[in-house]
Amino acid sequence: MARSQDRRPGYSRRAQYGIFTGYVIAILGVVAGIAVLAISLLNPGAFSFARSSAAEVARPLGKAGAESRSAGAGVFEAVGAYFRAGEQNAALRREVEAARANAVTMQALADENRRLKGLLGIVDPSRSPVATAHLIGSTASSTRRFAIIDAGQRSGVQAGQPVRAASGLIGRVIEAGPDTARVLLVTDPDNVVPVRRARDGLAAFVQGASNGRIDIRLINMGVNPVKKGDVFVTSGSGGLYPPGIPVAVATDPHRDGASGHLAANPADTEFVVVEPTYSAQARTQIEAIEKDGAENPAEAP
């Protein structure tokens, strides 16, 4: 049997009271809601205690949620880092190689600046250098000792001019082309350099020993006063080399003088300075020797 559409409670008191109570509660809820809304609009801080209480009650749940989110993010980051490790290692390897190359370049520039500053420090303002050049080659195993520099007649370089580095004498020019010149090194047996001991002026001369070293021989024979570590500089005798240029250091004294090594090693030298001859007389003598050698090539050494 279908239920009647008439939902009136009839004559039941309980049903009537229930319906009435429902209406009253609904109306009271609406009134309370309106009152709470009005109070929150007029005095927003009136329910702060309720919000604080709710926040305190929800604090453990919020903290647990934050920790779980952080743990989840860490897991995802770890997984992502694992898959990106190869790419990151390759990128780091490239950065390390680039940094190493930059460090080598900076060291090379620092060394070059140091050598150039050394050359600037030896230039005498009263004697302008003829040219500054690179030492681009030298003999290492031959009994004759020569070097090539990348400056020639176009730069004013001529035969007989001294060539020196920041630490000492290298040799003298024997041939000059348009843009290169040939230098007879101090270590060559045919190159004799007048020197004196730096501390007291003891006269001697330095001659190459055909093995990359040099012999220091005294002018006055007798008791040998040379000691290991004595420094010998050009004396200016002969008018070719200016005085005061370091040439050699004594390492092994013997009866006639000492064996030693050069103050400036051509193998370790990159930049050199070509200086004018010390006196015009020496230059005239060199030109005469060159002229005689050109006219009589068979007699030239």
Protein backbone atom coordinates (compact mmCIF):
# COMPACT_ATOMS: atom_id res chain seq x y z
CA MET A 1 0.00 0.00 0.00
CA ALA A 2 1.44 3.40 -1.03
CA ARG A 3 2.40 5.82 1.71
CA SER A 4 0.12 8.84 2.07
CA GLN A 5 1.54 12.18 0.92
CA ASP A 6 0.11 13.83 4.00
CA ARG A 7 3.00 13.99 6.50
CA ARG A 8 1.24 15.82 9.25
CA PRO A 9 1.85 14.21 12.62
CA GLY A 10 -1.78 13.94 13.27
CA TYR A 11 -2.76 13.99 16.85
CA SER A 12 0.57 12.67 18.21
CA ARG A 13 1.94 15.05 20.85
CA ARG A 14 5.46 13.61 20.61
CA ALA A 15 5.65 14.23 16.91
CA GLN A 16 4.38 17.76 17.27
CA TYR A 17 6.92 18.54 20.01
CA GLY A 18 9.72 17.09 17.90
CA ILE A 19 8.85 19.26 14.93
CA PHE A 20 8.54 22.33 17.13
CA THR A 21 11.86 21.61 18.82
CA GLY A 22 13.54 21.26 15.43
CA TYR A 23 12.25 24.61 14.26
CA VAL A 24 13.37 26.27 17.51
CA ILE A 25 16.86 24.77 17.27
CA ALA A 26 17.15 25.86 13.64
CA ILE A 27 16.07 29.38 14.45
CA LEU A 28 18.44 29.54 17.42
CA GLY A 29 21.31 28.29 15.21
CA VAL A 30 20.58 30.97 12.63
CA VAL A 31 20.44 33.64 15.32
CA ALA A 32 23.66 32.37 16.91
CA GLY A 33 25.39 32.34 13.54
CA ILE A 34 24.25 35.90 12.82
CA ALA A 35 25.45 36.97 16.26
CA VAL A 36 28.84 35.32 15.82
CA LEU A 37 29.20 36.88 12.37
CA ALA A 38 28.34 40.31 13.71
CA ILE A 39 30.78 39.96 16.61
CA SER A 40 33.60 38.80 14.29
CA LEU A 41 32.97 41.80 12.05
CA LEU A 42 32.78 44.33 14.85
CA ASN A 43 35.51 42.79 17.08
CA PRO A 44 37.84 40.46 15.15
CA GLY A 45 39.94 39.65 18.21
CA ALA A 46 37.01 38.35 20.27
CA PHE A 47 37.53 34.74 19.10
CA SER A 48 41.33 34.67 19.15
CA PHE A 49 41.29 32.27 22.10
CA ALA A 50 39.19 29.87 20.06
CA ARG A 51 41.56 30.05 17.12
CA SER A 52 44.56 29.57 19.42
CA SER A 53 42.92 26.58 21.03
CA ALA A 54 42.13 25.08 17.66
CA ALA A 55 45.73 25.66 16.52
CA GLU A 56 47.08 23.97 19.66
CA VAL A 57 44.77 21.02 19.16
CA ALA A 58 45.79 20.71 15.49
CA ARG A 59 49.54 21.25 16.19
CA PRO A 60 50.54 17.56 16.45
CA LEU A 61 48.71 16.75 13.24
CA GLY A 62 50.31 19.71 11.42
CA LYS A 63 53.78 18.79 12.65
CA ALA A 64 53.36 15.21 11.56
CA GLY A 65 52.19 16.38 8.15
CA ALA A 66 55.15 18.72 7.75
CA GLU A 67 57.62 15.97 8.66
CA SER A 68 56.03 13.58 6.25
CA ARG A 69 56.17 16.19 3.47
CA SER A 70 59.84 16.87 4.23
CA ALA A 71 60.64 13.16 4.24
CA GLY A 72 58.81 12.70 0.97
CA ALA A 73 60.66 15.63 -0.60
CA GLY A 74 63.98 14.19 0.59
CA VAL A 75 63.18 10.82 -0.95
CA PHE A 76 62.27 12.42 -4.28
CA GLU A 77 65.42 14.59 -4.20
CA ALA A 78 67.58 11.55 -3.44
CA VAL A 79 66.05 9.62 -6.32
CA GLY A 80 66.50 12.60 -8.65
CA ALA A 81 70.11 13.12 -7.52
CA TYR A 82 70.84 9.44 -8.18
CA PHE A 83 69.65 9.72 -11.76
CA ARG A 84 71.46 13.08 -12.24
CA ALA A 85 74.75 11.92 -10.66
CA GLY A 86 76.40 11.03 -13.97
CA GLU A 87 75.54 14.35 -15.56
CA GLN A 88 76.67 16.27 -12.48
CA ASN A 89 79.97 14.37 -12.33
CA ALA A 90 80.63 15.12 -16.00
CA ALA A 91 79.87 18.82 -15.45
CA LEU A 92 82.13 18.94 -12.38
CA ARG A 93 84.90 17.19 -14.32
CA ARG A 94 84.67 19.79 -17.07
CA GLU A 95 84.79 22.61 -14.51
CA VAL A 96 87.87 21.08 -12.85
CA GLU A 97 89.65 20.74 -16.21
CA ALA A 98 88.79 24.33 -17.11
CA ALA A 99 90.01 25.56 -13.72
CA ARG A 100 93.25 23.60 -14.11
CA ALA A 101 93.81 25.07 -17.57
CA ASN A 102 93.14 28.58 -16.23
CA ALA A 103 95.57 27.99 -13.38
CA VAL A 104 98.30 26.91 -15.82
CA THR A 105 97.62 29.96 -18.00
CA MET A 106 97.77 32.31 -15.01
CA GLN A 107 101.02 30.72 -13.83
CA ALA A 108 102.53 31.14 -17.29
CA LEU A 109 101.46 34.79 -17.37
CA ALA A 110 102.88 35.35 -13.89
CA ASP A 111 106.22 33.81 -14.94
CA GLU A 112 106.30 35.93 -18.09
CA ASN A 113 105.55 39.10 -16.12
CA ARG A 114 108.28 38.21 -13.65
CA ARG A 115 110.82 37.78 -16.45
CA LEU A 116 109.76 41.02 -18.15
CA LYS A 117 109.99 42.91 -14.86
CA GLY A 118 113.45 41.43 -14.39
CA LEU A 119 114.49 42.75 -17.80
CA LEU A 120 113.08 46.19 -17.00
CA GLY A 121 115.08 46.21 -13.78
CA ILE A 122 118.42 45.72 -15.56
CA VAL A 123 117.96 48.51 -18.12
CA ASP A 124 120.31 51.38 -17.40
CA PRO A 125 118.52 54.71 -18.09
CA SER A 126 121.80 56.18 -19.33
CA ARG A 127 122.22 53.34 -21.87
CA SER A 128 119.12 52.65 -23.94
CA PRO A 129 118.87 49.00 -25.02
CA VAL A 130 118.99 48.27 -28.73
CA ALA A 131 116.17 45.72 -28.69
CA THR A 132 114.26 43.28 -26.54
CA ALA A 133 113.82 39.84 -28.10
CA HIS A 134 112.82 36.23 -27.57
CA LEU A 135 115.55 33.63 -27.45
CA ILE A 136 113.99 31.20 -29.93
CA GLY A 137 116.67 28.52 -30.18
CA SER A 138 120.04 27.36 -28.91
CA THR A 139 122.45 24.47 -29.42
CA ALA A 140 122.49 21.92 -26.63
CA SER A 141 124.72 19.04 -27.73
CA SER A 142 127.19 20.61 -30.18
CA THR A 143 130.70 21.61 -29.13
CA ARG A 144 129.88 25.08 -30.51
CA ARG A 145 127.35 27.08 -28.55
CA PHE A 146 125.03 29.44 -30.43
CA ALA A 147 121.57 30.89 -29.93
CA ILE A 148 119.03 32.59 -32.19
CA ILE A 149 116.98 35.64 -31.23
CA ASP A 150 113.99 37.10 -33.09
CA ALA A 151 115.42 40.59 -33.56
CA GLY A 152 117.75 41.67 -36.36
CA GLN A 153 118.94 44.61 -38.39
CA ARG A 154 115.43 46.05 -38.67
CA SER A 155 115.55 46.50 -34.88
CA GLY A 156 119.08 47.93 -34.87
CA VAL A 157 120.86 44.71 -33.92
CA GLN A 158 124.43 44.45 -35.22
CA ALA A 159 127.36 42.10 -34.77
CA GLY A 160 129.35 42.57 -31.57
CA GLN A 161 126.49 43.79 -29.38
CA PRO A 162 126.15 42.11 -25.96
CA VAL A 163 123.08 40.00 -25.23
CA ARG A 164 121.96 39.55 -21.65
CA ALA A 165 119.07 38.23 -19.61
CA ALA A 166 117.72 39.48 -16.30
CA SER A 167 120.11 37.26 -14.33
CA GLY A 168 123.29 37.73 -16.35
CA LEU A 169 125.23 37.70 -19.61
CA ILE A 170 124.15 35.36 -22.43
CA GLY A 171 126.73 36.18 -25.12
CA ARG A 172 127.27 38.52 -28.05
CA VAL A 173 125.81 38.89 -31.53
CA ILE A 174 128.02 37.50 -34.31
CA GLU A 175 125.59 37.62 -37.24
CA ALA A 176 122.49 39.74 -37.83
CA GLY A 177 119.81 39.16 -40.45
CA PRO A 178 116.77 41.33 -41.18
CA ASP A 179 114.66 39.90 -38.33
CA THR A 180 116.90 37.37 -36.57
CA ALA A 181 120.40 37.32 -35.14
CA ARG A 182 122.92 34.65 -34.18
CA VAL A 183 124.42 34.87 -30.71
CA LEU A 184 127.74 33.35 -29.61
CA LEU A 185 127.04 32.08 -26.09
CA VAL A 186 129.42 32.53 -23.18
CA THR A 187 129.74 28.73 -23.00
CA ASP A 188 131.33 28.57 -26.48
CA PRO A 189 135.11 27.83 -26.37
CA ASP A 190 135.83 30.76 -28.73
CA ASN A 191 134.12 33.30 -26.50
CA VAL A 192 136.41 34.89 -23.90
CA VAL A 193 134.84 37.36 -21.48
CA PRO A 194 136.98 39.62 -19.22
CA VAL A 195 135.59 39.50 -15.69
CA ARG A 196 136.37 40.52 -12.13
CA ARG A 197 135.30 39.10 -8.81
CA ALA A 198 132.37 41.10 -7.53
CA ARG A 199 133.54 41.45 -3.92
CA ASP A 200 137.11 42.66 -4.49
CA GLY A 201 137.73 43.18 -8.23
CA LEU A 202 140.07 40.19 -8.74
CA ALA A 203 140.82 40.12 -12.49
CA ALA A 204 140.08 36.99 -14.51
CA PHE A 205 138.46 35.84 -17.73
CA VAL A 206 135.70 33.33 -18.46
CA GLN A 207 135.90 30.84 -21.32
CA GLY A 208 133.47 28.15 -22.44
CA ALA A 209 134.32 24.51 -21.74
CA SER A 210 132.34 22.91 -24.64
CA ASN A 211 130.11 21.04 -22.20
CA GLY A 212 127.71 23.76 -21.14
CA ARG A 213 129.93 24.91 -18.29
CA ILE A 214 132.70 27.50 -18.11
CA ASP A 215 136.23 27.90 -16.80
CA ILE A 216 137.27 30.90 -14.72
CA ARG A 217 140.98 31.59 -15.20
CA LEU A 218 142.97 34.16 -13.27
CA ILE A 219 145.09 36.81 -14.96
CA ASN A 220 147.81 36.62 -12.31
CA MET A 221 149.03 33.09 -11.68
CA GLY A 222 150.12 32.05 -8.22
CA VAL A 223 148.14 31.31 -5.11
CA ASN A 224 144.53 30.74 -6.10
CA PRO A 225 142.22 32.89 -3.91
CA VAL A 226 138.99 31.80 -5.65
CA LYS A 227 136.42 30.18 -3.37
CA LYS A 228 133.28 28.24 -4.07
CA GLY A 229 130.33 30.61 -4.53
CA ASP A 230 132.38 33.60 -5.75
CA VAL A 231 130.46 35.69 -8.27
CA PHE A 232 132.23 37.13 -11.30
CA VAL A 233 130.92 40.08 -13.34
CA THR A 234 132.06 41.76 -16.54
CA SER A 235 134.97 44.11 -15.99
CA GLY A 236 134.49 46.36 -19.04
CA SER A 237 137.98 45.54 -20.33
CA GLY A 238 138.17 45.41 -24.12
CA GLY A 239 135.25 47.78 -24.48
CA LEU A 240 132.78 45.14 -25.66
CA TYR A 241 130.74 44.23 -22.57
CA PRO A 242 129.55 46.93 -20.15
CA PRO A 243 130.95 46.42 -16.63
CA GLY A 244 128.93 44.92 -13.82
CA ILE A 245 126.92 42.24 -15.70
CA PRO A 246 126.87 38.91 -13.76
CA VAL A 247 128.61 36.19 -15.77
CA ALA A 248 129.55 33.16 -13.67
CA VAL A 249 129.57 31.58 -10.23
CA ALA A 250 132.57 29.52 -9.11
CA THR A 251 131.70 25.98 -8.02
CA ASP A 252 134.95 23.97 -8.12
CA PRO A 253 138.20 25.90 -7.47
CA HIS A 254 141.39 24.46 -8.97
CA ARG A 255 145.03 25.52 -9.41
CA ASP A 256 144.48 28.09 -12.17
CA GLY A 257 141.05 29.37 -11.12
CA ALA A 258 137.79 27.48 -10.94
CA SER A 259 135.10 25.71 -12.88
CA GLY A 260 131.66 27.15 -12.60
CA HIS A 261 128.25 27.70 -14.09
CA LEU A 262 126.68 30.68 -15.80
CA ALA A 263 124.67 33.22 -13.91
CA ALA A 264 122.09 33.09 -16.74
CA ASN A 265 121.34 29.71 -18.29
CA PRO A 266 120.28 30.12 -21.96
CA ALA A 267 118.12 26.98 -21.70
CA ASP A 268 115.99 28.65 -19.02
CA THR A 269 115.88 32.06 -20.68
CA GLU A 270 113.00 33.33 -22.81
CA PHE A 271 113.51 37.09 -23.03
CA VAL A 272 116.82 38.84 -23.64
CA VAL A 273 118.03 42.41 -24.08
CA VAL A 274 120.48 43.45 -26.79
CA GLU A 275 122.71 46.31 -25.61
CA PRO A 276 125.07 48.58 -27.54
CA THR A 277 128.78 47.86 -27.38
CA TYR A 278 130.49 49.48 -24.42
CA SER A 279 132.93 51.62 -26.46
CA ALA A 280 133.16 52.93 -30.03
CA GLN A 281 136.70 51.55 -30.34
CA ALA A 282 135.50 48.00 -29.76
CA ARG A 283 132.79 48.50 -32.36
CA THR A 284 135.39 49.71 -34.88
CA GLN A 285 137.58 46.68 -34.25
CA ILE A 286 134.64 44.31 -34.73
CA GLU A 287 133.68 45.99 -38.01
CA ALA A 288 137.28 45.69 -39.22
CA ILE A 289 137.38 41.98 -38.37
CA GLU A 290 134.06 41.41 -40.16
CA LYS A 291 135.25 43.32 -43.23
CA ASP A 292 138.48 41.36 -43.34
CA GLY A 293 136.57 38.09 -43.05
CA ALA A 294 134.27 39.08 -45.92
CA GLU A 295 137.20 39.99 -48.18
CA ASN A 296 139.19 36.85 -47.27
CA PRO A 297 136.64 34.12 -46.57
CA ALA A 298 139.27 31.38 -46.75
CA GLU A 299 141.14 32.87 -43.80
CA ALA A 300 138.06 33.53 -41.70
CA PRO A 301 137.69 31.18 -38.68
